[in-house]
Protein backbone atom coordinates (compact mmCIF):
# COMPACT_ATOMS: atom_id res chain seq x y z
CA MET A 1 86.87 164.99 53.59
CA LYS A 2 86.32 163.39 50.04
CA ALA A 3 87.89 165.64 46.91
CA GLY A 4 87.34 165.51 43.34
CA ILE A 5 89.31 168.01 40.72
CA VAL A 6 87.64 168.08 37.25
CA GLY A 7 90.49 169.66 35.33
CA ALA A 8 92.83 167.94 37.22
CA ASN A 9 95.61 167.77 34.18
CA GLY A 10 96.01 171.91 34.37
CA TYR A 11 98.17 173.49 35.78
CA SER A 12 96.00 174.93 38.59
CA GLY A 13 94.69 170.91 38.79
CA ILE A 14 97.93 169.14 39.02
CA GLU A 15 98.61 172.86 41.94
CA LEU A 16 95.41 172.05 43.94
CA ILE A 17 96.79 167.68 43.85
CA ARG A 18 100.06 169.01 45.32
CA LEU A 19 98.41 171.07 48.28
CA LEU A 20 95.47 169.01 49.27
CA MET A 21 97.86 165.92 49.61
CA ASN A 22 99.52 167.54 52.33
CA HIS A 23 95.98 168.90 54.11
CA PRO A 24 95.64 166.25 56.98
CA SER A 25 91.47 166.89 56.33
CA ILE A 26 90.98 165.23 52.80
CA GLU A 27 91.81 162.45 50.38
CA LEU A 28 91.71 162.70 46.71
CA GLU A 29 89.44 160.60 45.81
CA MET A 30 88.68 161.40 42.21
CA LEU A 31 90.56 163.18 39.38
CA VAL A 32 88.40 163.86 36.80
CA SER A 33 90.23 164.84 33.43
CA HIS A 34 87.86 164.55 29.60
CA SER A 35 91.20 165.04 27.33
CA THR A 36 93.80 162.23 28.98
CA LYS A 37 90.68 159.94 30.48
CA GLY A 38 92.24 156.81 31.11
CA ALA A 39 96.02 157.60 31.90
CA SER A 40 97.17 157.74 35.18
CA ILE A 41 98.22 161.06 36.61
CA SER A 42 101.67 159.97 37.03
CA ASP A 43 101.83 159.69 33.30
CA VAL A 44 100.88 163.00 32.64
CA TYR A 45 103.06 164.49 35.42
CA PRO A 46 105.86 161.87 36.06
CA HIS A 47 107.11 164.05 39.20
CA LEU A 48 104.03 161.85 40.80
CA SER A 49 105.08 158.20 40.62
CA GLY A 50 104.95 156.71 43.19
CA LEU A 51 103.29 159.51 45.09
CA LEU A 52 99.68 159.37 43.50
CA ASP A 53 98.93 156.96 40.84
CA LYS A 54 95.05 157.33 40.18
CA PRO A 55 93.55 157.43 36.60
CA LEU A 56 92.24 160.57 34.97
CA GLU A 57 88.87 159.37 34.57
CA ASP A 58 85.35 161.23 32.80
CA PHE A 59 82.97 163.65 34.02
CA ASP A 60 80.23 161.61 35.96
CA ALA A 61 78.03 163.71 38.26
CA ASP A 62 75.92 160.31 39.53
CA LYS A 63 80.37 159.02 40.61
CA LEU A 64 81.05 162.19 41.75
CA ALA A 65 78.36 162.36 44.09
CA GLU A 66 78.32 158.73 44.79
CA ARG A 67 82.87 159.36 45.68
CA VAL A 68 83.83 163.11 46.88
CA ASP A 69 81.76 165.60 49.38
CA VAL A 70 83.97 168.73 47.72
CA VAL A 71 84.30 168.83 43.29
CA PHE A 72 86.92 171.77 42.60
CA PHE A 73 86.57 172.49 39.06
CA ALA A 74 90.13 173.68 37.61
CA THR A 75 88.53 173.94 33.66
CA PRO A 76 89.18 176.21 30.70
CA ALA A 77 86.13 179.16 30.74
CA GLY A 78 82.99 177.72 29.68
CA ILE A 79 83.14 174.10 30.77
CA SER A 80 81.64 174.33 33.98
CA LYS A 81 79.12 176.04 33.82
CA ASP A 82 77.58 173.37 32.33
CA LEU A 83 79.56 170.43 34.92
CA LEU A 84 79.24 172.14 38.12
CA PRO A 85 75.74 172.90 37.94
CA GLU A 86 75.26 168.47 37.94
CA CYS A 87 76.89 168.90 40.99
CA LEU A 88 75.12 171.61 42.81
CA LYS A 89 71.91 169.55 42.09
CA ARG A 90 73.70 166.56 43.38
CA GLY A 91 74.55 168.34 47.01
CA LEU A 92 77.83 168.07 46.43
CA THR A 93 80.33 171.27 47.86
CA CYS A 94 81.45 173.25 44.42
CA ILE A 95 84.16 175.54 44.04
CA ASP A 96 84.66 176.92 40.63
CA LEU A 97 88.20 177.88 39.78
CA SER A 98 87.33 178.99 36.16
CA GLY A 99 86.24 182.73 35.18
CA ASP A 100 82.52 181.00 34.35
CA PHE A 101 80.91 181.41 38.00
CA ARG A 102 82.30 185.42 38.68
CA LEU A 103 81.23 188.21 36.97
CA LYS A 104 77.24 188.70 37.92
CA ASP A 105 76.76 190.46 34.36
CA PRO A 106 75.71 187.34 32.30
CA GLU A 107 76.06 189.25 29.32
CA ALA A 108 79.20 191.30 30.26
CA TYR A 109 80.63 186.91 30.65
CA GLU A 110 79.79 186.71 27.05
CA THR A 111 81.17 190.33 26.18
CA TRP A 112 85.15 189.38 27.46
CA TYR A 113 84.52 185.63 28.14
CA HIS A 114 83.13 185.20 24.24
CA HIS A 115 80.87 181.93 25.01
CA ALA A 116 77.25 181.85 26.17
CA PRO A 117 76.73 182.57 30.11
CA ALA A 118 75.80 180.60 33.30
CA ASP A 119 72.16 180.33 34.29
CA ALA A 120 71.81 183.98 35.40
CA SER A 121 70.23 182.62 39.52
CA LEU A 122 73.51 180.18 38.97
CA LEU A 123 75.15 183.36 39.13
CA ASN A 124 73.73 184.84 41.72
CA ASP A 125 74.21 181.87 43.56
CA ALA A 126 77.55 181.56 43.62
CA VAL A 127 79.88 183.22 46.90
CA TYR A 128 82.63 185.64 45.01
CA GLY A 129 85.62 183.71 46.69
CA LEU A 130 88.26 186.84 47.39
CA SER A 131 89.18 184.73 51.34
CA GLU A 132 90.20 187.91 53.35
CA VAL A 133 87.64 190.03 52.09
CA ASN A 134 84.62 187.79 51.42
CA ARG A 135 84.70 185.52 54.96
CA ARG A 136 81.72 186.01 56.13
CA GLN A 137 79.86 185.25 52.95
CA ILE A 138 82.13 182.17 52.25
CA GLU A 139 81.45 180.77 55.71
CA GLY A 140 79.50 177.72 55.73
CA ALA A 141 78.69 178.14 51.63
CA SER A 142 78.65 175.50 48.87
CA PHE A 143 79.36 177.33 45.80
CA ILE A 144 82.47 179.62 45.70
CA ALA A 145 83.80 180.94 42.50
CA ASN A 146 87.50 181.17 43.14
CA PRO A 147 89.04 185.21 41.53
CA GLY A 148 91.27 185.74 38.97
CA CYS A 149 94.41 186.41 39.86
CA TYR A 150 94.87 189.47 38.52
CA PRO A 151 92.08 190.24 40.95
CA THR A 152 93.45 188.71 43.83
CA ALA A 153 96.24 190.11 43.96
CA THR A 154 95.25 193.73 42.63
CA LEU A 155 91.88 194.00 45.03
CA LEU A 156 94.34 193.01 47.99
CA GLY A 157 95.86 195.65 47.55
CA LEU A 158 92.67 198.25 46.53
CA ALA A 159 90.61 196.63 49.73
CA PRO A 160 91.81 198.64 52.60
CA ALA A 161 91.74 202.09 51.00
CA LEU A 162 89.00 201.96 49.19
CA LYS A 163 86.81 200.63 52.26
CA ASP A 164 87.89 203.47 54.36
CA GLY A 165 87.15 205.72 51.41
CA ALA A 166 90.91 206.74 51.41
CA ILE A 167 91.20 206.84 47.20
CA ASP A 168 89.63 208.03 44.29
CA PRO A 169 88.16 204.40 43.24
CA GLY A 170 87.35 206.66 39.66
CA SER A 171 91.45 206.97 39.02
CA ILE A 172 92.78 204.15 39.44
CA ILE A 173 95.13 201.91 37.50
CA ILE A 174 96.69 198.70 37.32
CA ASP A 175 99.76 197.68 35.94
CA GLY A 176 99.88 194.00 36.12
CA LYS A 177 102.96 191.32 35.24
CA SER A 178 102.44 187.90 35.33
CA GLY A 179 104.53 184.57 34.47
CA VAL A 180 103.57 182.44 31.87
CA SER A 181 102.00 179.84 34.00
CA GLY A 182 99.39 182.37 33.75
CA SER A 183 97.35 181.40 31.11
CA GLY A 184 97.65 177.83 31.01
CA LYS A 185 98.55 174.31 29.75
CA GLN A 186 97.27 175.12 26.54
CA MET A 187 99.82 175.25 23.69
CA VAL A 188 99.85 179.16 22.50
CA LEU A 189 102.58 180.21 19.77
CA GLY A 190 103.54 183.77 22.34
CA ASN A 191 104.58 181.50 25.13
CA LEU A 192 107.03 179.46 23.66
CA TYR A 193 110.64 179.66 25.34
CA CYS A 194 111.96 181.51 21.81
CA GLU A 195 109.15 183.57 21.99
CA VAL A 196 109.09 184.63 25.36
CA ASN A 197 112.36 184.50 26.41
CA GLU A 198 114.90 187.46 26.84
CA SER A 199 111.66 190.04 26.36
CA VAL A 200 108.57 191.47 28.83
CA LYS A 201 105.31 192.31 26.40
CA ALA A 202 101.96 193.85 26.88
CA TYR A 203 99.32 191.87 25.70
CA LYS A 204 95.32 191.96 25.75
CA LEU A 205 94.90 196.20 26.57
CA GLY A 206 91.86 197.25 26.90
CA THR A 207 90.32 193.23 26.38
CA HIS A 208 91.30 191.84 29.48
CA LYS A 209 89.05 189.05 31.04
CA HIS A 210 90.17 189.70 33.82
CA LEU A 211 89.44 193.22 33.56
CA PRO A 212 85.41 193.50 34.34
CA GLU A 213 86.07 191.75 37.69
CA ILE A 214 88.30 193.69 38.79
CA GLU A 215 85.61 196.26 38.33
CA GLN A 216 82.83 194.51 39.84
CA GLU A 217 84.56 194.04 43.01
CA ILE A 218 86.06 197.49 43.01
CA ALA A 219 82.50 198.78 42.72
CA ALA A 220 81.34 196.45 45.29
CA LEU A 221 84.32 197.35 47.96
CA SER A 222 83.62 201.49 47.09
CA GLY A 223 79.92 201.52 46.05
CA GLU A 224 80.54 203.12 42.88
CA THR A 225 81.16 202.19 39.66
CA HIS A 226 83.49 203.07 37.55
CA PRO A 227 86.02 202.29 34.75
CA VAL A 228 89.76 201.67 35.46
CA THR A 229 92.60 201.23 33.34
CA PHE A 230 94.42 197.55 32.92
CA THR A 231 97.23 196.52 30.77
CA THR A 232 98.47 193.29 31.52
CA HIS A 233 102.09 191.81 30.73
CA LEU A 234 103.86 188.63 30.06
CA ILE A 235 107.13 188.22 31.96
CA PRO A 236 109.70 185.57 30.91
CA MET A 237 109.34 183.38 34.16
CA THR A 238 107.07 180.41 35.41
CA ARG A 239 105.45 181.42 38.13
CA GLY A 240 104.68 184.31 40.03
CA LEU A 241 102.21 188.04 39.27
CA MET A 242 102.85 191.59 40.21
CA THR A 243 100.46 194.23 40.25
CA THR A 244 101.73 197.90 40.62
CA ILE A 245 98.97 199.86 41.38
CA TYR A 246 97.75 204.12 41.12
CA ALA A 247 95.20 205.90 42.78
CA THR A 248 94.61 209.76 43.85
CA MET A 249 94.18 210.18 47.11
CA GLU A 250 91.14 211.20 48.70
CA LYS A 251 92.21 212.58 52.12
CA GLY A 252 96.21 213.23 52.86
CA TYR A 253 97.38 210.73 54.27
CA SER A 254 101.01 209.53 54.81
CA THR A 255 102.66 206.39 54.09
CA ARG A 256 102.89 205.19 57.56
CA GLU A 257 99.19 205.98 58.33
CA PHE A 258 98.13 203.35 54.64
CA LEU A 259 100.32 201.39 56.30
CA GLN A 260 98.77 201.50 59.67
CA LEU A 261 95.02 201.14 57.70
CA TYR A 262 96.01 197.83 56.35
CA GLU A 263 98.27 196.49 59.19
CA ARG A 264 94.67 196.20 60.25
CA TYR A 265 91.82 195.77 58.18
CA TYR A 266 94.01 192.56 57.23
CA GLU A 267 95.35 191.76 61.24
CA LYS A 268 93.41 188.62 61.19
CA SER A 269 94.24 187.38 57.42
CA PRO A 270 97.47 185.63 58.06
CA PHE A 271 98.06 185.19 54.13
CA VAL A 272 98.67 188.67 53.42
CA ARG A 273 101.94 190.48 54.64
CA ILE A 274 102.24 194.36 54.73
CA ARG A 275 105.94 195.66 54.24
CA PRO A 276 107.84 198.18 56.73
CA ILE A 277 107.75 201.27 55.50
CA GLY A 278 110.66 201.82 52.41
CA THR A 279 110.50 198.20 51.20
CA TRP A 280 108.50 196.31 48.37
CA PRO A 281 107.77 193.11 47.38
CA ALA A 282 109.55 190.89 44.94
CA THR A 283 107.34 188.24 43.56
CA LYS A 284 110.42 185.95 44.13
CA GLU A 285 109.51 186.59 48.03
CA VAL A 286 106.41 184.04 47.24
CA VAL A 287 106.15 181.95 45.42
CA GLY A 288 105.25 178.23 46.47
CA SER A 289 103.50 180.20 49.13
CA ASN A 290 99.58 181.29 49.88
CA PHE A 291 100.56 184.30 50.46
CA CYS A 292 100.07 187.94 49.43
CA ASP A 293 102.81 190.63 49.98
CA ILE A 294 101.72 194.12 49.88
CA GLY A 295 104.14 197.28 50.20
CA LEU A 296 102.74 200.41 49.86
CA ASN A 297 104.12 204.53 48.63
CA VAL A 298 103.02 207.94 49.08
CA ASP A 299 103.78 210.82 46.25
CA GLY A 300 103.00 213.93 47.96
CA ARG A 301 103.45 215.86 45.20
CA SER A 302 101.05 213.83 42.79
CA ARG A 303 98.70 213.08 45.88
CA ARG A 304 98.88 209.46 44.64
CA LEU A 305 99.20 206.67 46.54
CA THR A 306 101.20 203.30 44.93
CA ILE A 307 100.61 199.95 46.37
CA VAL A 308 102.34 196.81 45.03
CA SER A 309 100.69 193.74 45.77
CA VAL A 310 102.43 190.56 44.95
CA ILE A 311 101.22 186.28 44.88
CA ASP A 312 102.08 183.26 42.59
CA ASN A 313 99.62 183.37 40.14
CA VAL A 314 98.80 179.64 40.89
CA VAL A 315 98.74 178.93 44.63
CA LYS A 316 97.36 182.03 45.57
CA GLY A 317 95.52 182.65 42.89
CA ALA A 318 94.37 179.73 42.47
CA ALA A 319 94.34 176.61 43.79
CA GLY A 320 95.33 177.86 47.55
CA GLN A 321 92.72 180.08 47.82
CA ALA A 322 90.33 177.41 46.78
CA ILE A 323 92.04 175.53 49.39
CA GLN A 324 91.56 178.60 51.34
CA ASN A 325 88.56 178.85 50.91
CA LEU A 326 87.35 175.74 51.92
CA ASN A 327 88.68 175.57 54.74
CA ILE A 328 86.88 178.74 55.63
CA ILE A 329 83.74 176.96 54.46
CA LYS A 330 84.21 174.21 56.31
CA GLY A 331 85.10 175.98 59.97
CA TRP A 332 88.58 174.66 59.68
CA ASP A 333 92.21 176.83 60.35
CA GLU A 334 92.27 178.58 56.79
CA GLN A 335 95.73 177.56 57.57
CA THR A 336 95.54 174.43 57.37
CA GLY A 337 97.27 172.40 54.08
CA LEU A 338 98.53 176.41 53.36
CA LYS A 339 101.33 176.57 55.88
CA LEU A 340 103.62 176.07 52.74
CA THR A 341 107.25 178.91 53.05
CA PRO A 342 107.37 180.53 50.08
CA ILE A 343 110.15 178.52 47.67
CA TYR A 344 113.90 180.62 48.13
CA PRO A 345 115.63 181.01 45.81
């Protein structure tokens, strides 16, 4: 199967390249980048020299249709909504890593992303690609809206408890922390080394574009619509993302009972690892991999459940989950090309 990547020169794009080069059923055929077209991908990323020297090309839907079977869109917000429909018209499988098709409400997209929304009919056609939760809808689909990094860690952390009715969805508080790669490759003053090093800062309080996505999918899991509290922090590291989630319990479960609930829910999900009682995951333990590691604790005094969920933001939070979704679409083992040991130390 031949694949194309639109936005191949960004961090999600280059991670797709790394992972797809080791996928036994995928051949990388076409790399698209408007800003660096004409250059070789190895000119932009010298670590690929001698490994992949393909040229970066301008977007052309007809050429993509002639040369590839699947297109990954690893573009900034506001771009794929105009380009991706041209690929769908030509019968290509499309997996969008941007946020252009995640929100079902066009007005919400315009409010939170500050771009004109995609066509409403296409928003309804896109399958939300949270692999472990929506596997049945993903099977055989041709159009996937890949989840954001914060929503991936958050929703995988919450899904079993919400589906069981074990927590109050109106009580959820999410404390998120991410490495600098989460904001992409663009030049941003606040991401400079001198600004980030030896510092932790909160950002986009109440305005983060992943908030409506999280609320939308919490409603889908619980059947209830509630606002949630979501605070994000920038951490002086390149990769890694942690969400620490707090929720009031509706059932009197112990930590051990919650662990058993989560182990049952994810028993057929090879990329979700539930930590034993009394242990909690660290970002270092998933870097470079497609794993989501989850730890749980019940505080009997406050009747609150604490969930710690960690991922690599550019693998499970972007490129890895996109490939996992393609594996599910094609009926391949969902671990194909993704059996990666986390990088340690």
